[in-house]
Every structure is written in structure tokens, then in C-alpha cells.
């Protein structure tokens, strides 16, 4: 199963990279872009029997390594395979 982990800075954390990208987009004429937040994206292939087990493993990995819980939050999506519906994750 494939787990997609999206890690972003918490809303209360200043994002200088996002600010810089937003300013550059404005310079390029994208005046309708009002905010940019940068983040990280991970795809994990997990040998799990159920989507719940895959989510548990992905959440453990995110808690221990992929995200810094002090300044970042994450959400997980599980893709159980071809023909199966993706399971939207709960953000932490």
C-alpha cells in the first residue's frame, strides 16, 4: 500500500520561504496569489494487510522522523491499490 504524507508548518509558524515564493509570484504577475506555505511530501510503500495498519505505520514514521511536531503538522492519505478508493487522512 502507498501512504502519502504531507508535512506543513503549523499556521502559527512563520514561513519565510513561503513568503519569498509569494513575493516572487507577485513579481511575475500572479497578483491573485494571496499566500504560499511550503512543505514536504513523502510517499511510503508499506507492506501492510489493511489500510488501518498502513496508516498506523505512516503515522509512527511521521511522528518519529518525517515531521517536527513542535512546528509542523501532517496528514496522511492511504492508497490501498489499483481500483481501490483512497482513504483521506486526518491531519495532526
N, C-alpha and C. Protein backbone atom coordinates (compact mmCIF):
# COMPACT_ATOMS: atom_id res chain seq x y z
N UNK A 1 0.83 -1.17 0.00
CA UNK A 1 0.00 0.00 0.00
C UNK A 1 0.88 1.24 0.00
N UNK A 2 0.37 2.27 -0.60
CA UNK A 2 1.11 3.52 -0.65
C UNK A 2 0.50 4.51 0.34
N UNK A 3 1.37 5.07 1.16
CA UNK A 3 0.96 6.14 2.07
C UNK A 3 1.59 7.44 1.57
N UNK A 4 0.78 8.46 1.49
CA UNK A 4 1.27 9.80 1.13
C UNK A 4 1.22 10.64 2.39
N UNK A 5 2.36 11.21 2.75
CA UNK A 5 2.44 12.02 3.96
C UNK A 5 2.77 13.46 3.56
N UNK A 6 1.88 14.37 3.90
CA UNK A 6 2.04 15.79 3.60
C UNK A 6 2.39 16.50 4.90
N UNK A 7 3.57 17.11 4.95
CA UNK A 7 4.03 17.79 6.16
C UNK A 7 4.08 19.29 5.87
N UNK A 8 3.45 20.07 6.74
CA UNK A 8 3.45 21.53 6.57
C UNK A 8 3.73 22.20 7.90
N UNK A 9 4.21 23.43 7.80
CA UNK A 9 4.40 24.21 9.01
C UNK A 9 3.05 24.51 9.63
N UNK A 10 2.99 24.53 10.94
CA UNK A 10 1.75 24.90 11.62
C UNK A 10 1.40 26.34 11.26
N UNK A 11 0.12 26.67 11.24
CA UNK A 11 -0.29 28.04 10.86
C UNK A 11 0.36 29.14 11.70
N UNK A 12 0.68 28.84 12.95
CA UNK A 12 1.27 29.86 13.83
C UNK A 12 2.77 30.07 13.59
N UNK A 13 3.39 29.22 12.75
CA UNK A 13 4.83 29.30 12.49
C UNK A 13 5.08 30.14 11.25
N UNK A 14 5.95 31.14 11.38
CA UNK A 14 6.31 32.00 10.26
C UNK A 14 6.99 31.16 9.18
N UNK A 15 6.65 31.41 7.92
CA UNK A 15 7.17 30.64 6.79
C UNK A 15 7.91 31.58 5.84
N UNK A 16 9.19 31.86 6.10
CA UNK A 16 9.93 32.80 5.24
C UNK A 16 10.07 32.31 3.80
N UNK A 17 10.21 31.02 3.59
CA UNK A 17 10.32 30.51 2.23
C UNK A 17 9.00 30.72 1.48
N UNK A 18 7.89 30.47 2.13
CA UNK A 18 6.60 30.70 1.51
C UNK A 18 6.40 32.16 1.17
N UNK A 19 6.82 33.05 2.07
CA UNK A 19 6.72 34.49 1.83
C UNK A 19 7.54 34.90 0.62
N UNK A 20 8.75 34.38 0.52
CA UNK A 20 9.63 34.69 -0.61
C UNK A 20 9.02 34.21 -1.92
N UNK A 21 8.46 33.01 -1.92
CA UNK A 21 7.82 32.49 -3.13
C UNK A 21 6.61 33.34 -3.50
N UNK A 22 5.81 33.73 -2.52
CA UNK A 22 4.65 34.58 -2.80
C UNK A 22 5.08 35.90 -3.42
N UNK A 23 6.13 36.51 -2.88
CA UNK A 23 6.63 37.77 -3.43
C UNK A 23 7.13 37.59 -4.86
N UNK A 24 7.82 36.47 -5.12
CA UNK A 24 8.31 36.21 -6.47
C UNK A 24 7.15 36.01 -7.44
N UNK A 25 6.11 35.32 -7.00
CA UNK A 25 4.94 35.13 -7.86
C UNK A 25 4.27 36.46 -8.17
N UNK A 26 4.20 37.35 -7.19
CA UNK A 26 3.63 38.68 -7.43
C UNK A 26 4.47 39.43 -8.47
N UNK A 27 5.79 39.32 -8.36
CA UNK A 27 6.70 39.96 -9.32
C UNK A 27 6.47 39.43 -10.73
N UNK A 28 6.13 38.15 -10.83
CA UNK A 28 5.88 37.52 -12.13
C UNK A 28 4.46 37.78 -12.65
N UNK A 29 3.69 38.54 -11.90
CA UNK A 29 2.36 38.91 -12.37
C UNK A 29 1.22 38.09 -11.82
N UNK A 30 1.48 37.23 -10.87
CA UNK A 30 0.43 36.40 -10.26
C UNK A 30 -0.14 37.12 -9.04
N UNK A 31 -0.81 38.23 -9.30
CA UNK A 31 -1.32 39.08 -8.21
C UNK A 31 -2.43 38.41 -7.43
N UNK A 32 -3.09 37.42 -8.00
CA UNK A 32 -4.19 36.76 -7.30
C UNK A 32 -3.72 35.75 -6.25
N UNK A 33 -2.43 35.42 -6.23
CA UNK A 33 -1.90 34.52 -5.20
C UNK A 33 -1.77 35.35 -3.92
N UNK A 34 -2.50 34.95 -2.89
CA UNK A 34 -2.51 35.74 -1.66
C UNK A 34 -1.61 35.19 -0.57
N UNK A 35 -1.28 33.89 -0.62
CA UNK A 35 -0.42 33.30 0.40
C UNK A 35 0.20 32.02 -0.14
N UNK A 36 1.41 31.73 0.32
CA UNK A 36 2.10 30.48 -0.04
C UNK A 36 2.67 29.90 1.24
N UNK A 37 2.44 28.62 1.47
CA UNK A 37 3.04 27.88 2.57
C UNK A 37 3.82 26.73 1.97
N UNK A 38 5.06 26.57 2.36
CA UNK A 38 5.86 25.48 1.83
C UNK A 38 5.75 24.28 2.74
N UNK A 39 6.07 23.11 2.20
CA UNK A 39 6.01 21.89 2.99
C UNK A 39 6.83 20.78 2.37
N UNK A 40 6.62 19.58 2.89
CA UNK A 40 7.33 18.39 2.39
C UNK A 40 6.29 17.33 2.04
N UNK A 41 6.65 16.48 1.10
CA UNK A 41 5.77 15.40 0.66
C UNK A 41 6.58 14.11 0.62
N UNK A 42 6.03 13.05 1.21
CA UNK A 42 6.68 11.74 1.21
C UNK A 42 5.70 10.70 0.69
N UNK A 43 6.20 9.75 -0.09
CA UNK A 43 5.44 8.56 -0.47
C UNK A 43 6.13 7.35 0.14
N UNK A 44 5.37 6.60 0.91
CA UNK A 44 5.91 5.40 1.54
C UNK A 44 5.19 4.18 0.99
N UNK A 45 5.93 3.20 0.51
CA UNK A 45 5.34 1.91 0.13
C UNK A 45 5.40 1.04 1.39
N UNK A 46 4.24 0.62 1.86
CA UNK A 46 4.16 -0.11 3.12
C UNK A 46 3.54 -1.49 2.87
N UNK A 47 4.22 -2.51 3.35
CA UNK A 47 3.70 -3.88 3.24
C UNK A 47 2.77 -4.10 4.42
N UNK A 48 1.49 -3.76 4.23
CA UNK A 48 0.51 -3.86 5.31
C UNK A 48 -0.70 -4.66 4.82
N UNK A 49 -1.38 -5.29 5.74
CA UNK A 49 -2.55 -6.10 5.38
C UNK A 49 -3.80 -5.25 5.22
N UNK A 50 -3.88 -4.14 5.96
CA UNK A 50 -5.07 -3.30 5.91
C UNK A 50 -4.67 -1.83 5.79
N UNK A 51 -5.58 -1.00 5.29
CA UNK A 51 -5.31 0.44 5.25
C UNK A 51 -5.05 1.02 6.65
N UNK A 52 -5.73 0.49 7.65
CA UNK A 52 -5.53 0.97 9.02
C UNK A 52 -4.11 0.70 9.51
N UNK A 53 -3.58 -0.48 9.18
CA UNK A 53 -2.21 -0.82 9.56
C UNK A 53 -1.22 0.09 8.83
N UNK A 54 -1.46 0.33 7.54
CA UNK A 54 -0.58 1.21 6.77
C UNK A 54 -0.60 2.62 7.36
N UNK A 55 -1.79 3.10 7.74
CA UNK A 55 -1.91 4.43 8.34
C UNK A 55 -1.15 4.50 9.67
N UNK A 56 -1.25 3.44 10.47
CA UNK A 56 -0.55 3.41 11.75
C UNK A 56 0.96 3.50 11.55
N UNK A 57 1.47 2.72 10.60
CA UNK A 57 2.92 2.73 10.32
C UNK A 57 3.35 4.11 9.82
N UNK A 58 2.58 4.69 8.90
CA UNK A 58 2.92 6.01 8.36
C UNK A 58 2.87 7.07 9.46
N UNK A 59 1.89 6.99 10.34
CA UNK A 59 1.78 7.96 11.44
C UNK A 59 2.97 7.83 12.40
N UNK A 60 3.37 6.62 12.69
CA UNK A 60 4.55 6.42 13.54
C UNK A 60 5.79 7.02 12.90
N UNK A 61 5.96 6.79 11.59
CA UNK A 61 7.12 7.33 10.88
C UNK A 61 7.09 8.86 10.89
N UNK A 62 5.91 9.43 10.69
CA UNK A 62 5.78 10.88 10.70
C UNK A 62 6.06 11.44 12.09
N UNK A 63 5.54 10.79 13.12
CA UNK A 63 5.76 11.26 14.49
C UNK A 63 7.24 11.18 14.89
N UNK A 64 7.92 10.13 14.44
CA UNK A 64 9.31 9.90 14.88
C UNK A 64 10.36 10.56 13.99
N UNK A 65 10.05 10.76 12.69
CA UNK A 65 11.09 11.21 11.78
C UNK A 65 10.66 12.26 10.76
N UNK A 66 9.55 12.06 10.11
CA UNK A 66 9.20 12.89 8.95
C UNK A 66 8.77 14.31 9.32
N UNK A 67 8.17 14.48 10.48
CA UNK A 67 7.69 15.81 10.88
C UNK A 67 8.26 16.19 12.24
N UNK A 68 8.47 17.48 12.42
CA UNK A 68 8.86 18.02 13.72
C UNK A 68 7.58 18.49 14.40
N UNK A 69 7.10 17.77 15.42
CA UNK A 69 5.80 18.07 15.99
C UNK A 69 5.70 19.44 16.66
N UNK A 70 6.82 20.06 16.94
CA UNK A 70 6.81 21.38 17.56
C UNK A 70 6.35 22.44 16.56
N UNK A 71 6.80 22.33 15.31
CA UNK A 71 6.50 23.38 14.32
C UNK A 71 5.73 22.88 13.10
N UNK A 72 5.56 21.56 12.96
CA UNK A 72 4.91 21.01 11.77
C UNK A 72 3.73 20.13 12.13
N UNK A 73 2.79 20.06 11.20
CA UNK A 73 1.70 19.10 11.30
C UNK A 73 1.73 18.26 10.02
N UNK A 74 0.98 17.18 10.02
CA UNK A 74 0.96 16.33 8.83
C UNK A 74 -0.41 15.73 8.64
N UNK A 75 -0.63 15.28 7.41
CA UNK A 75 -1.82 14.49 7.10
C UNK A 75 -1.38 13.32 6.25
N UNK A 76 -2.14 12.25 6.33
CA UNK A 76 -1.79 11.01 5.64
C UNK A 76 -2.94 10.59 4.75
N UNK A 77 -2.62 10.18 3.54
CA UNK A 77 -3.58 9.56 2.63
C UNK A 77 -3.07 8.16 2.33
N UNK A 78 -3.96 7.21 2.33
CA UNK A 78 -3.62 5.82 2.04
C UNK A 78 -4.25 5.42 0.71
N UNK A 79 -3.44 4.86 -0.19
CA UNK A 79 -3.93 4.32 -1.45
C UNK A 79 -3.75 2.81 -1.36
N UNK A 80 -4.86 2.10 -1.21
CA UNK A 80 -4.81 0.65 -0.99
C UNK A 80 -4.50 -0.12 -2.27
N UNK A 81 -4.42 0.55 -3.42
CA UNK A 81 -4.06 -0.13 -4.65
C UNK A 81 -4.98 0.23 -5.79
N UNK A 82 -4.70 -0.30 -6.96
CA UNK A 82 -5.50 -0.02 -8.15
C UNK A 82 -6.93 -0.47 -7.94
N UNK A 83 -7.85 0.41 -8.32
CA UNK A 83 -9.26 0.09 -8.21
C UNK A 83 -9.85 0.34 -6.84
N UNK A 84 -9.00 0.61 -5.86
CA UNK A 84 -9.49 0.88 -4.51
C UNK A 84 -9.53 2.38 -4.28
N UNK A 85 -10.48 2.81 -3.53
CA UNK A 85 -10.59 4.24 -3.24
C UNK A 85 -9.53 4.65 -2.24
N UNK A 86 -9.01 5.85 -2.42
CA UNK A 86 -8.02 6.39 -1.47
C UNK A 86 -8.74 6.79 -0.20
N UNK A 87 -8.08 6.59 0.89
CA UNK A 87 -8.64 6.95 2.19
C UNK A 87 -8.01 8.25 2.65
N UNK A 88 -8.80 9.30 2.76
CA UNK A 88 -8.29 10.60 3.19
C UNK A 88 -7.86 10.51 4.64
N UNK A 89 -6.75 11.16 4.94
CA UNK A 89 -6.21 11.10 6.29
C UNK A 89 -6.67 12.23 7.17
N UNK A 90 -6.48 12.05 8.44
CA UNK A 90 -6.78 13.07 9.42
C UNK A 90 -5.49 13.82 9.72
N UNK A 91 -5.56 15.13 9.70
CA UNK A 91 -4.39 15.95 9.96
C UNK A 91 -4.04 15.90 11.43
N UNK A 92 -2.74 16.00 11.72
CA UNK A 92 -2.26 16.07 13.11
C UNK A 92 -1.46 17.32 13.27
